[in-house]
Amino acid sequence: MLQVEDLEVSYQSVAAVRGLSLSVPQGQIVGLVGANGAGKTSTLNAITGLVQRRGRTLLGGQDISQCKTADIVRRGLVQVAQGRQLFPDMSVAENLEMGGFLQSPASKREMTEKVFAQFPVLKERATQPAGTLSGGEQQMLAVARALMARPKVLLIDEPCLGLSPKMVSRLGEVIRQVNADGISILLVEQNTAFVFGLTSYAYVIENGRVVLEGTPDLLRRNDKVRSAYLGI
């Protein structure tokens, strides 16, 4: 569903992503893990056209490498940004409406009903300013807002950041539920154990390059992964 080939991102003379390639098969959850500053967010921002990039990105077999972000979203590739990036002074319902800005009024109504059924706590807080929600509720809203765009592929960036263990567990359930609806997911996280518990395949990135890849079971047995990311 998503194929990234030889992706490169530089900020002035500093290379943040160097020849990175990965793929997300239809209906799968794939992980991208690495330390802070490894290039994970730059990779997602490049895929969605938020930063200048070189290389090739295919969505459903179609080349989107030169597409602008709005067109990429229209084609079904949507990003849940690190730090949630909500509109804090707008209500939960208004944030959801913004997520569906490319959809028809009928589609927005349908998707709002669907995400409220999927996230009952958001329905309860529909008129509440997004900035007054708990961290976990804000993360749920960020995911729900992305779903309003009817994505085929969802890129989720550091969703566990600042959440309690209980909310991290709940978030894992949400991601599984979203995937069960047929949405392919690229999950970016420093919490390697969280990623390995959800994914069928994962990539390890260091200094903008993929240095390891494989199934979670294979990566768990790798001494480098065990010491650097799992604390074993």
C-alpha atoms as a PDB file:
ATOM      1  CA  MET A   1       0.000   0.000   0.000  1.00  0.00           C
ATOM      2  CA  LEU A   2       2.878   2.372   0.848  1.00  0.00           C
ATOM      3  CA  GLN A   3       6.347   2.062  -0.676  1.00  0.00           C
ATOM      4  CA  VAL A   4       9.190   4.463   0.132  1.00  0.00           C
ATOM      5  CA  GLU A   5      12.369   4.225  -1.925  1.00  0.00           C
ATOM      6  CA  ASP A   6      15.724   5.960  -1.285  1.00  0.00           C
ATOM      7  CA  LEU A   7      14.182   8.796   0.712  1.00  0.00           C
ATOM      8  CA  GLU A   8      16.508  11.677   1.540  1.00  0.00           C
ATOM      9  CA  VAL A   9      15.854  14.768   3.661  1.00  0.00           C
ATOM     10  CA  SER A  10      18.316  17.535   4.464  1.00  0.00           C
ATOM     11  CA  TYR A  11      18.025  20.709   6.507  1.00  0.00           C
ATOM     12  CA  GLN A  12      20.485  23.116   4.929  1.00  0.00           C
ATOM     13  CA  SER A  13      23.708  21.050   4.891  1.00  0.00           C
ATOM     14  CA  VAL A  14      22.628  18.513   7.531  1.00  0.00           C
ATOM     15  CA  ALA A  15      21.285  15.170   6.295  1.00  0.00           C
ATOM     16  CA  ALA A  16      18.393  13.943   8.452  1.00  0.00           C
ATOM     17  CA  VAL A  17      17.275  10.979   6.315  1.00  0.00           C
ATOM     18  CA  ARG A  18      19.723   9.097   4.106  1.00  0.00           C
ATOM     19  CA  GLY A  19      18.553   6.677   1.428  1.00  0.00           C
ATOM     20  CA  LEU A  20      15.741   5.237   3.547  1.00  0.00           C
ATOM     21  CA  SER A  21      13.466   2.586   2.057  1.00  0.00           C
ATOM     22  CA  LEU A  22      10.482   0.859   3.655  1.00  0.00           C
ATOM     23  CA  SER A  23       7.113  -0.611   2.777  1.00  0.00           C
ATOM     24  CA  VAL A  24       3.732  -0.995   4.461  1.00  0.00           C
ATOM     25  CA  PRO A  25       1.679  -3.859   2.996  1.00  0.00           C
ATOM     26  CA  GLN A  26      -2.081  -3.601   2.665  1.00  0.00           C
ATOM     27  CA  GLY A  27      -3.837  -4.072   6.001  1.00  0.00           C
ATOM     28  CA  GLN A  28      -0.645  -4.345   8.071  1.00  0.00           C
ATOM     29  CA  ILE A  29       0.856  -2.376  10.967  1.00  0.00           C
ATOM     30  CA  VAL A  30       4.552  -1.667  10.371  1.00  0.00           C
ATOM     31  CA  GLY A  31       6.861  -0.049  12.904  1.00  0.00           C
ATOM     32  CA  LEU A  32       9.669   2.472  12.580  1.00  0.00           C
ATOM     33  CA  VAL A  33      11.699   2.669  15.790  1.00  0.00           C
ATOM     34  CA  GLY A  34      14.776   4.549  16.838  1.00  0.00           C
ATOM     35  CA  ALA A  35      16.201   6.957  19.373  1.00  0.00           C
ATOM     36  CA  ASN A  36      15.285  10.615  19.607  1.00  0.00           C
ATOM     37  CA  GLY A  37      16.832  12.477  16.663  1.00  0.00           C
ATOM     38  CA  ALA A  38      17.230   9.360  14.519  1.00  0.00           C
ATOM     39  CA  GLY A  39      15.121  10.831  11.690  1.00  0.00           C
ATOM     40  CA  LYS A  40      11.737   9.237  12.371  1.00  0.00           C
ATOM     41  CA  THR A  41       9.623  12.394  12.266  1.00  0.00           C
ATOM     42  CA  SER A  42      11.562  13.742   9.286  1.00  0.00           C
ATOM     43  CA  THR A  43      10.714  10.517   7.466  1.00  0.00           C
ATOM     44  CA  LEU A  44       6.989  10.933   8.091  1.00  0.00           C
ATOM     45  CA  ASN A  45       7.054  14.628   7.203  1.00  0.00           C
ATOM     46  CA  ALA A  46       8.809  13.779   3.946  1.00  0.00           C
ATOM     47  CA  ILE A  47       6.296  11.057   3.068  1.00  0.00           C
ATOM     48  CA  THR A  48       3.420  13.520   3.544  1.00  0.00           C
ATOM     49  CA  GLY A  49       5.164  16.346   1.694  1.00  0.00           C
ATOM     50  CA  LEU A  50       5.663  18.651   4.673  1.00  0.00           C
ATOM     51  CA  VAL A  51       9.400  18.995   3.988  1.00  0.00           C
ATOM     52  CA  GLN A  52      11.467  18.956   0.822  1.00  0.00           C
ATOM     53  CA  ARG A  53      12.622  15.465  -0.055  1.00  0.00           C
ATOM     54  CA  ARG A  54      14.274  13.328  -2.676  1.00  0.00           C
ATOM     55  CA  GLY A  55      13.456   9.740  -3.542  1.00  0.00           C
ATOM     56  CA  ARG A  56      10.218   8.035  -4.521  1.00  0.00           C
ATOM     57  CA  THR A  57       7.011   7.383  -2.590  1.00  0.00           C
ATOM     58  CA  LEU A  58       4.243   5.166  -3.949  1.00  0.00           C
ATOM     59  CA  LEU A  59       0.729   4.984  -2.511  1.00  0.00           C
ATOM     60  CA  GLY A  60      -1.273   2.072  -3.846  1.00  0.00           C
ATOM     61  CA  GLY A  61       1.209   1.838  -6.703  1.00  0.00           C
ATOM     62  CA  GLN A  62       0.849   5.518  -7.686  1.00  0.00           C
ATOM     63  CA  ASP A  63       3.806   7.871  -7.434  1.00  0.00           C
ATOM     64  CA  ILE A  64       3.051  10.708  -4.992  1.00  0.00           C
ATOM     65  CA  SER A  65       6.628  11.953  -4.672  1.00  0.00           C
ATOM     66  CA  GLN A  66       5.868  15.345  -6.212  1.00  0.00           C
ATOM     67  CA  CYS A  67       2.396  15.799  -4.732  1.00  0.00           C
ATOM     68  CA  LYS A  68       1.574  18.545  -2.277  1.00  0.00           C
ATOM     69  CA  THR A  69       0.333  17.611   1.185  1.00  0.00           C
ATOM     70  CA  ALA A  70      -3.337  18.407   0.504  1.00  0.00           C
ATOM     71  CA  ASP A  71      -3.325  16.137  -2.554  1.00  0.00           C
ATOM     72  CA  ILE A  72      -1.576  13.384  -0.581  1.00  0.00           C
ATOM     73  CA  VAL A  73      -4.343  13.578   2.039  1.00  0.00           C
ATOM     74  CA  ARG A  74      -6.990  13.440  -0.690  1.00  0.00           C
ATOM     75  CA  ARG A  75      -5.360  10.252  -1.977  1.00  0.00           C
ATOM     76  CA  GLY A  76      -5.718   8.634   1.438  1.00  0.00           C
ATOM     77  CA  LEU A  77      -2.402   9.113   3.266  1.00  0.00           C
ATOM     78  CA  VAL A  78      -2.868  10.933   6.590  1.00  0.00           C
ATOM     79  CA  GLN A  79      -0.460  11.727   9.430  1.00  0.00           C
ATOM     80  CA  VAL A  80      -1.129  11.921  13.167  1.00  0.00           C
ATOM     81  CA  ALA A  81       1.530  14.412  14.212  1.00  0.00           C
ATOM     82  CA  GLN A  82       3.867  14.095  17.172  1.00  0.00           C
ATOM     83  CA  GLY A  83       2.514  16.133  20.077  1.00  0.00           C
ATOM     84  CA  ARG A  84      -1.066  15.760  18.737  1.00  0.00           C
ATOM     85  CA  GLN A  85      -1.116  19.286  17.207  1.00  0.00           C
ATOM     86  CA  LEU A  86      -4.773  19.872  18.072  1.00  0.00           C
ATOM     87  CA  PHE A  87      -6.560  23.217  17.974  1.00  0.00           C
ATOM     88  CA  PRO A  88      -6.692  23.679  21.764  1.00  0.00           C
ATOM     89  CA  ASP A  89      -9.262  26.483  21.892  1.00  0.00           C
ATOM     90  CA  MET A  90     -11.650  24.706  19.537  1.00  0.00           C
ATOM     91  CA  SER A  91     -14.080  22.075  20.756  1.00  0.00           C
ATOM     92  CA  VAL A  92     -13.652  18.350  20.234  1.00  0.00           C
ATOM     93  CA  ALA A  93     -16.388  18.446  17.567  1.00  0.00           C
ATOM     94  CA  GLU A  94     -14.738  21.375  15.785  1.00  0.00           C
ATOM     95  CA  ASN A  95     -11.382  19.569  15.728  1.00  0.00           C
ATOM     96  CA  LEU A  96     -13.078  16.573  14.142  1.00  0.00           C
ATOM     97  CA  GLU A  97     -14.727  18.809  11.576  1.00  0.00           C
ATOM     98  CA  MET A  98     -11.322  20.214  10.652  1.00  0.00           C
ATOM     99  CA  GLY A  99     -10.062  16.667  10.111  1.00  0.00           C
ATOM    100  CA  GLY A 100     -12.800  16.113   7.546  1.00  0.00           C
ATOM    101  CA  PHE A 101     -12.400  19.420   5.712  1.00  0.00           C
ATOM    102  CA  LEU A 102     -11.831  17.642   2.382  1.00  0.00           C
ATOM    103  CA  GLN A 103     -14.950  15.502   2.795  1.00  0.00           C
ATOM    104  CA  SER A 104     -18.501  16.296   1.728  1.00  0.00           C
ATOM    105  CA  PRO A 105     -20.977  17.390   4.442  1.00  0.00           C
ATOM    106  CA  ALA A 106     -22.672  13.982   4.294  1.00  0.00           C
ATOM    107  CA  SER A 107     -19.344  12.178   4.603  1.00  0.00           C
ATOM    108  CA  LYS A 108     -18.335  14.365   7.566  1.00  0.00           C
ATOM    109  CA  ARG A 109     -21.594  13.587   9.362  1.00  0.00           C
ATOM    110  CA  GLU A 110     -21.142   9.865   8.736  1.00  0.00           C
ATOM    111  CA  MET A 111     -17.542   9.870   9.926  1.00  0.00           C
ATOM    112  CA  THR A 112     -18.365  11.954  13.007  1.00  0.00           C
ATOM    113  CA  GLU A 113     -20.961   9.367  14.047  1.00  0.00           C
ATOM    114  CA  LYS A 114     -18.452   6.591  13.401  1.00  0.00           C
ATOM    115  CA  VAL A 115     -15.613   8.106  15.435  1.00  0.00           C
ATOM    116  CA  PHE A 116     -17.989   9.008  18.279  1.00  0.00           C
ATOM    117  CA  ALA A 117     -19.054   5.352  18.374  1.00  0.00           C
ATOM    118  CA  GLN A 118     -15.395   4.299  18.304  1.00  0.00           C
ATOM    119  CA  PHE A 119     -14.324   6.871  20.935  1.00  0.00           C
ATOM    120  CA  PRO A 120     -17.270   7.335  23.341  1.00  0.00           C
ATOM    121  CA  VAL A 121     -15.269   9.644  25.601  1.00  0.00           C
ATOM    122  CA  LEU A 122     -14.968  12.123  22.722  1.00  0.00           C
ATOM    123  CA  LYS A 123     -18.743  12.145  22.251  1.00  0.00           C
ATOM    124  CA  GLU A 124     -19.128  12.915  25.950  1.00  0.00           C
ATOM    125  CA  ARG A 125     -16.725  15.843  25.562  1.00  0.00           C
ATOM    126  CA  ALA A 126     -17.878  17.025  22.135  1.00  0.00           C
ATOM    127  CA  THR A 127     -18.392  20.644  23.229  1.00  0.00           C
ATOM    128  CA  GLN A 128     -15.319  20.783  25.481  1.00  0.00           C
ATOM    129  CA  PRO A 129     -12.195  22.671  24.300  1.00  0.00           C
ATOM    130  CA  ALA A 130      -9.604  20.178  23.096  1.00  0.00           C
ATOM    131  CA  GLY A 131      -6.903  21.804  25.216  1.00  0.00           C
ATOM    132  CA  THR A 132      -8.742  20.860  28.419  1.00  0.00           C
ATOM    133  CA  LEU A 133      -8.688  17.117  27.690  1.00  0.00           C
ATOM    134  CA  SER A 134      -6.251  14.769  29.404  1.00  0.00           C
ATOM    135  CA  GLY A 135      -3.153  13.702  27.483  1.00  0.00           C
ATOM    136  CA  GLY A 136      -4.688  10.336  26.636  1.00  0.00           C
ATOM    137  CA  GLU A 137      -7.951  11.906  25.495  1.00  0.00           C
ATOM    138  CA  GLN A 138      -6.050  14.368  23.331  1.00  0.00           C
ATOM    139  CA  GLN A 139      -4.213  11.486  21.660  1.00  0.00           C
ATOM    140  CA  MET A 140      -7.529   9.745  21.000  1.00  0.00           C
ATOM    141  CA  LEU A 141      -8.822  12.976  19.455  1.00  0.00           C
ATOM    142  CA  ALA A 142      -5.722  13.288  17.266  1.00  0.00           C
ATOM    143  CA  VAL A 143      -6.301   9.778  15.909  1.00  0.00           C
ATOM    144  CA  ALA A 144     -10.044  10.385  15.496  1.00  0.00           C
ATOM    145  CA  ARG A 145      -9.403  13.650  13.646  1.00  0.00           C
ATOM    146  CA  ALA A 146      -7.123  11.818  11.205  1.00  0.00           C
ATOM    147  CA  LEU A 147      -9.789   9.156  10.656  1.00  0.00           C
ATOM    148  CA  MET A 148     -12.222  11.887   9.588  1.00  0.00           C
ATOM    149  CA  ALA A 149     -10.196  12.142   6.356  1.00  0.00           C
ATOM    150  CA  ARG A 150     -10.996   8.481   5.527  1.00  0.00           C
ATOM    151  CA  PRO A 151      -7.356   7.363   5.230  1.00  0.00           C
ATOM    152  CA  LYS A 152      -6.127   4.258   3.486  1.00  0.00           C
ATOM    153  CA  VAL A 153      -2.769   4.601   5.257  1.00  0.00           C
ATOM    154  CA  LEU A 154      -2.279   6.235   8.651  1.00  0.00           C
ATOM    155  CA  LEU A 155       1.122   7.506   9.816  1.00  0.00           C
ATOM    156  CA  ILE A 156       1.210   7.780  13.620  1.00  0.00           C
ATOM    157  CA  ASP A 157       4.121   9.676  15.178  1.00  0.00           C
ATOM    158  CA  GLU A 158       5.149   9.040  18.825  1.00  0.00           C
ATOM    159  CA  PRO A 159       1.628   8.422  20.169  1.00  0.00           C
ATOM    160  CA  CYS A 160       2.846   7.188  23.587  1.00  0.00           C
ATOM    161  CA  LEU A 161       4.658  10.422  24.414  1.00  0.00           C
ATOM    162  CA  GLY A 162       3.657  11.617  27.879  1.00  0.00           C
ATOM    163  CA  LEU A 163       0.984   8.966  28.460  1.00  0.00           C
ATOM    164  CA  SER A 164       0.522   6.769  31.523  1.00  0.00           C
ATOM    165  CA  PRO A 165       1.019   2.987  31.141  1.00  0.00           C
ATOM    166  CA  LYS A 166      -2.769   2.542  31.362  1.00  0.00           C
ATOM    167  CA  MET A 167      -3.368   5.002  28.526  1.00  0.00           C
ATOM    168  CA  VAL A 168      -0.580   3.433  26.465  1.00  0.00           C
ATOM    169  CA  SER A 169      -2.383   0.097  26.764  1.00  0.00           C
ATOM    170  CA  ARG A 170      -5.673   1.709  25.734  1.00  0.00           C
ATOM    171  CA  LEU A 171      -3.941   3.374  22.798  1.00  0.00           C
ATOM    172  CA  GLY A 172      -2.690  -0.022  21.634  1.00  0.00           C
ATOM    173  CA  GLU A 173      -6.281  -1.254  21.592  1.00  0.00           C
ATOM    174  CA  VAL A 174      -7.323   1.765  19.535  1.00  0.00           C
ATOM    175  CA  ILE A 175      -4.571   1.194  16.965  1.00  0.00           C
ATOM    176  CA  ARG A 176      -5.568  -2.465  16.614  1.00  0.00           C
ATOM    177  CA  GLN A 177      -9.189  -1.428  16.139  1.00  0.00           C
ATOM    178  CA  VAL A 178      -8.290   1.109  13.466  1.00  0.00           C
ATOM    179  CA  ASN A 179      -6.199  -1.493  11.657  1.00  0.00           C
ATOM    180  CA  ALA A 180      -9.039  -4.028  11.885  1.00  0.00           C
ATOM    181  CA  ASP A 181     -11.134  -1.573   9.851  1.00  0.00           C
ATOM    182  CA  GLY A 182      -8.707  -2.135   6.963  1.00  0.00           C
ATOM    183  CA  ILE A 183      -6.432   0.878   7.447  1.00  0.00           C
ATOM    184  CA  SER A 184      -2.716   0.231   6.953  1.00  0.00           C
ATOM    185  CA  ILE A 185      -0.521   1.872   9.594  1.00  0.00           C
ATOM    186  CA  LEU A 186       3.074   3.059   9.846  1.00  0.00           C
ATOM    187  CA  LEU A 187       3.744   3.446  13.574  1.00  0.00           C
ATOM    188  CA  VAL A 188       6.700   5.560  14.702  1.00  0.00           C
ATOM    189  CA  GLU A 189       7.763   5.244  18.333  1.00  0.00           C
ATOM    190  CA  GLN A 190      10.686   5.278  20.747  1.00  0.00           C
ATOM    191  CA  ASN A 191       8.746   2.761  22.866  1.00  0.00           C
ATOM    192  CA  THR A 192      10.043  -0.317  21.090  1.00  0.00           C
ATOM    193  CA  ALA A 193       8.162  -2.794  23.276  1.00  0.00           C
ATOM    194  CA  PHE A 194       4.890  -1.039  22.379  1.00  0.00           C
ATOM    195  CA  VAL A 195       5.682  -1.193  18.663  1.00  0.00           C
ATOM    196  CA  PHE A 196       6.750  -4.842  18.749  1.00  0.00           C
ATOM    197  CA  GLY A 197       3.477  -5.739  20.474  1.00  0.00           C
ATOM    198  CA  LEU A 198       1.435  -4.322  17.593  1.00  0.00           C
ATOM    199  CA  THR A 199       3.373  -4.775  14.373  1.00  0.00           C
ATOM    200  CA  SER A 200       3.998  -7.564  11.906  1.00  0.00           C
ATOM    201  CA  TYR A 201       7.273  -6.013  10.716  1.00  0.00           C
ATOM    202  CA  ALA A 202       9.534  -3.200  11.902  1.00  0.00           C
ATOM    203  CA  TYR A 203      12.476  -1.080  10.827  1.00  0.00           C
ATOM    204  CA  VAL A 204      15.181   0.281  13.125  1.00  0.00           C
ATOM    205  CA  ILE A 205      16.545   3.685  12.124  1.00  0.00           C
ATOM    206  CA  GLU A 206      19.790   5.334  13.245  1.00  0.00           C
ATOM    207  CA  ASN A 207      21.204   8.600  11.921  1.00  0.00           C
ATOM    208  CA  GLY A 208      18.627   8.683   9.154  1.00  0.00           C
ATOM    209  CA  ARG A 209      19.359   5.172   7.881  1.00  0.00           C
ATOM    210  CA  VAL A 210      17.605   1.838   8.309  1.00  0.00           C
ATOM    211  CA  VAL A 211      20.138  -0.349  10.099  1.00  0.00           C
ATOM    212  CA  LEU A 212      17.927  -3.346  10.898  1.00  0.00           C
ATOM    213  CA  GLU A 213      14.571  -4.715   9.820  1.00  0.00           C
ATOM    214  CA  GLY A 214      12.494  -7.807  10.365  1.00  0.00           C
ATOM    215  CA  THR A 215       9.641  -9.320  12.323  1.00  0.00           C
ATOM    216  CA  PRO A 216       9.317  -8.341  15.998  1.00  0.00           C
ATOM    217  CA  ASP A 217      10.402 -11.823  17.068  1.00  0.00           C
ATOM    218  CA  LEU A 218      13.544 -11.580  14.966  1.00  0.00           C
ATOM    219  CA  LEU A 219      14.396  -8.098  16.206  1.00  0.00           C
ATOM    220  CA  ARG A 220      13.810  -9.050  19.837  1.00  0.00           C
ATOM    221  CA  ARG A 221      16.550 -11.675  19.494  1.00  0.00           C
ATOM    222  CA  ASN A 222      19.037  -9.181  18.060  1.00  0.00           C
ATOM    223  CA  ASP A 223      21.641  -8.262  20.674  1.00  0.00           C
ATOM    224  CA  LYS A 224      21.853  -4.652  19.483  1.00  0.00           C
ATOM    225  CA  VAL A 225      18.092  -4.160  19.724  1.00  0.00           C
ATOM    226  CA  ARG A 226      17.947  -5.905  23.086  1.00  0.00           C
ATOM    227  CA  SER A 227      20.602  -3.667  24.640  1.00  0.00           C
ATOM    228  CA  ALA A 228      19.821  -0.348  22.947  1.00  0.00           C
ATOM    229  CA  TYR A 229      16.024  -0.406  22.837  1.00  0.00           C
ATOM    230  CA  LEU A 230      14.711  -3.067  25.207  1.00  0.00           C
ATOM    231  CA  GLY A 231      17.118  -2.573  28.097  1.00  0.00           C
ATOM    232  CA  ILE A 232      18.084  -6.264  28.169  1.00  0.00           C
END
